[in-house]
Every structure is written in C-alpha cells, then in structure tokens.
N, C-alpha and C. Protein backbone atom coordinates (compact mmCIF):
# COMPACT_ATOMS: atom_id res chain seq x y z
N MET A 1 21.65 -11.93 84.16
CA MET A 1 22.65 -12.78 83.27
C MET A 1 22.22 -12.42 81.86
N MET A 2 21.07 -12.52 81.46
CA MET A 2 20.58 -12.27 80.06
C MET A 2 21.17 -11.02 79.66
N LEU A 3 21.15 -9.85 80.69
CA LEU A 3 21.92 -8.76 79.98
C LEU A 3 23.40 -8.90 79.65
N VAL A 4 24.22 -9.86 80.46
CA VAL A 4 25.50 -9.91 79.94
C VAL A 4 25.70 -10.80 78.80
N GLY A 5 24.69 -11.58 78.52
CA GLY A 5 24.89 -12.47 77.30
C GLY A 5 24.38 -11.42 76.08
N ILE A 6 23.69 -10.49 76.15
CA ILE A 6 23.40 -9.71 75.25
C ILE A 6 24.32 -8.70 74.98
N GLY A 7 24.50 -8.14 76.02
CA GLY A 7 25.75 -7.11 75.58
C GLY A 7 27.01 -7.76 75.12
N THR A 8 27.42 -8.96 75.45
CA THR A 8 28.49 -9.89 74.75
C THR A 8 28.14 -9.87 73.38
N LEU A 9 27.02 -10.43 72.76
CA LEU A 9 26.81 -10.66 71.67
C LEU A 9 26.71 -9.28 70.77
N ALA A 10 26.20 -8.35 71.63
CA ALA A 10 26.27 -6.81 70.90
C ALA A 10 27.99 -6.44 70.51
N LEU A 11 28.72 -6.62 71.48
CA LEU A 11 30.00 -6.43 71.28
C LEU A 11 30.70 -7.05 70.22
N LEU A 12 30.49 -8.54 70.24
CA LEU A 12 30.90 -9.38 69.17
C LEU A 12 30.47 -8.86 67.79
N ALA A 13 29.10 -8.68 67.68
CA ALA A 13 28.80 -8.27 66.36
C ALA A 13 29.37 -6.67 65.82
N VAL A 14 29.26 -5.75 66.63
CA VAL A 14 29.99 -4.74 66.49
C VAL A 14 31.69 -5.02 66.02
N PHE A 15 32.26 -5.82 66.71
CA PHE A 15 33.62 -6.06 66.49
C PHE A 15 33.72 -6.92 65.14
N ALA A 16 32.77 -7.79 64.83
CA ALA A 16 32.84 -8.30 63.44
C ALA A 16 32.68 -7.54 62.42
N ASN A 17 31.84 -6.37 62.64
CA ASN A 17 31.55 -5.69 61.36
C ASN A 17 32.93 -4.69 61.08
N VAL A 18 33.38 -4.15 62.27
CA VAL A 18 34.68 -3.40 62.01
C VAL A 18 35.51 -4.00 61.68
N GLN A 19 35.84 -5.42 61.76
CA GLN A 19 37.05 -5.96 60.87
C GLN A 19 36.72 -6.30 59.72
N ARG A 20 35.36 -6.48 59.44
CA ARG A 20 34.86 -6.62 57.90
C ARG A 20 35.17 -5.36 57.36
N PHE A 21 34.73 -4.27 57.89
CA PHE A 21 34.87 -3.02 56.88
C PHE A 21 36.53 -2.74 56.88
N ARG A 22 37.18 -2.94 57.67
CA ARG A 22 38.64 -2.70 57.66
C ARG A 22 39.25 -3.50 56.67
N ARG A 23 38.91 -4.90 56.78
CA ARG A 23 39.46 -5.98 55.68
C ARG A 23 38.96 -5.35 54.17
N GLY A 24 37.74 -4.91 54.05
CA GLY A 24 37.14 -4.47 52.80
C GLY A 24 38.32 -3.12 52.28
N GLU A 25 38.45 -2.14 53.34
CA GLU A 25 39.43 -1.23 52.90
C GLU A 25 40.67 -1.37 52.26
N VAL A 26 41.19 -2.44 52.93
CA VAL A 26 42.60 -3.11 52.53
C VAL A 26 42.21 -3.57 51.33
N GLU A 27 41.31 -4.59 50.81
CA GLU A 27 41.27 -5.36 49.82
C GLU A 27 41.05 -4.33 48.75
N THR A 28 40.25 -2.99 49.04
CA THR A 28 40.23 -2.06 47.82
C THR A 28 41.53 -1.48 47.33
N VAL A 29 42.28 -1.20 48.40
CA VAL A 29 43.67 -0.63 48.24
C VAL A 29 44.45 -1.56 47.49
N VAL A 30 44.40 -2.75 47.64
CA VAL A 30 45.17 -3.85 47.01
C VAL A 30 44.97 -3.86 45.71
N VAL A 31 43.71 -3.96 45.51
CA VAL A 31 42.95 -3.84 44.12
C VAL A 31 43.34 -2.84 43.30
N LYS A 32 43.40 -1.57 43.70
CA LYS A 32 43.82 -0.40 43.06
C LYS A 32 45.17 -0.45 42.53
N VAL A 33 46.05 -0.92 43.61
CA VAL A 33 47.58 -1.16 43.33
C VAL A 33 47.67 -2.23 42.29
N ALA A 34 46.90 -3.22 42.29
CA ALA A 34 47.10 -4.54 41.30
C ALA A 34 46.81 -3.90 40.14
N THR A 35 45.64 -3.20 39.87
CA THR A 35 45.17 -3.02 38.65
C THR A 35 45.94 -1.90 38.12
N SER A 36 46.66 -0.98 38.81
CA SER A 36 47.29 0.31 38.16
C SER A 36 48.31 -0.40 37.06
N PRO A 37 48.26 0.04 35.78
CA PRO A 37 49.30 -0.38 34.90
C PRO A 37 50.73 -0.11 35.24
N THR A 38 51.00 1.19 35.77
CA THR A 38 52.33 1.44 36.18
C THR A 38 52.25 2.35 37.55
N PRO A 39 52.95 1.98 38.34
CA PRO A 39 53.14 2.72 39.68
C PRO A 39 53.62 4.23 39.27
N GLN A 40 52.85 5.08 39.90
CA GLN A 40 53.21 6.54 39.77
C GLN A 40 54.11 6.83 40.87
N PRO A 41 55.46 7.30 40.56
CA PRO A 41 56.51 7.72 41.57
C PRO A 41 56.18 8.95 42.15
N HIS A 42 56.20 9.12 43.59
CA HIS A 42 55.83 10.24 44.18
C HIS A 42 57.05 11.20 44.49
C-alpha cells in the first residue's frame, strides 16, 4: 500500500513540474511578443 502512495506522489510531482515548465515557456513567448516594439511580418 505504501508503494502505491509513493508512486502516486512521484507522478503528481512530475506532472506538476511539467505543467510549470510548459507554463513558463508560454509566459516567455507572451513576454517576447508583448515587448517587441513592432511585430515583424513573415
């Protein structure tokens, strides 16, 4: 029973880290777009 609890906690920790990392990437992109003085047409 303890192994199941430890495994669940480990999965939750990994999932939380992945979510935080992805949110950080999105925020970085948003900041770059917001701080660019003029959007460059591609």
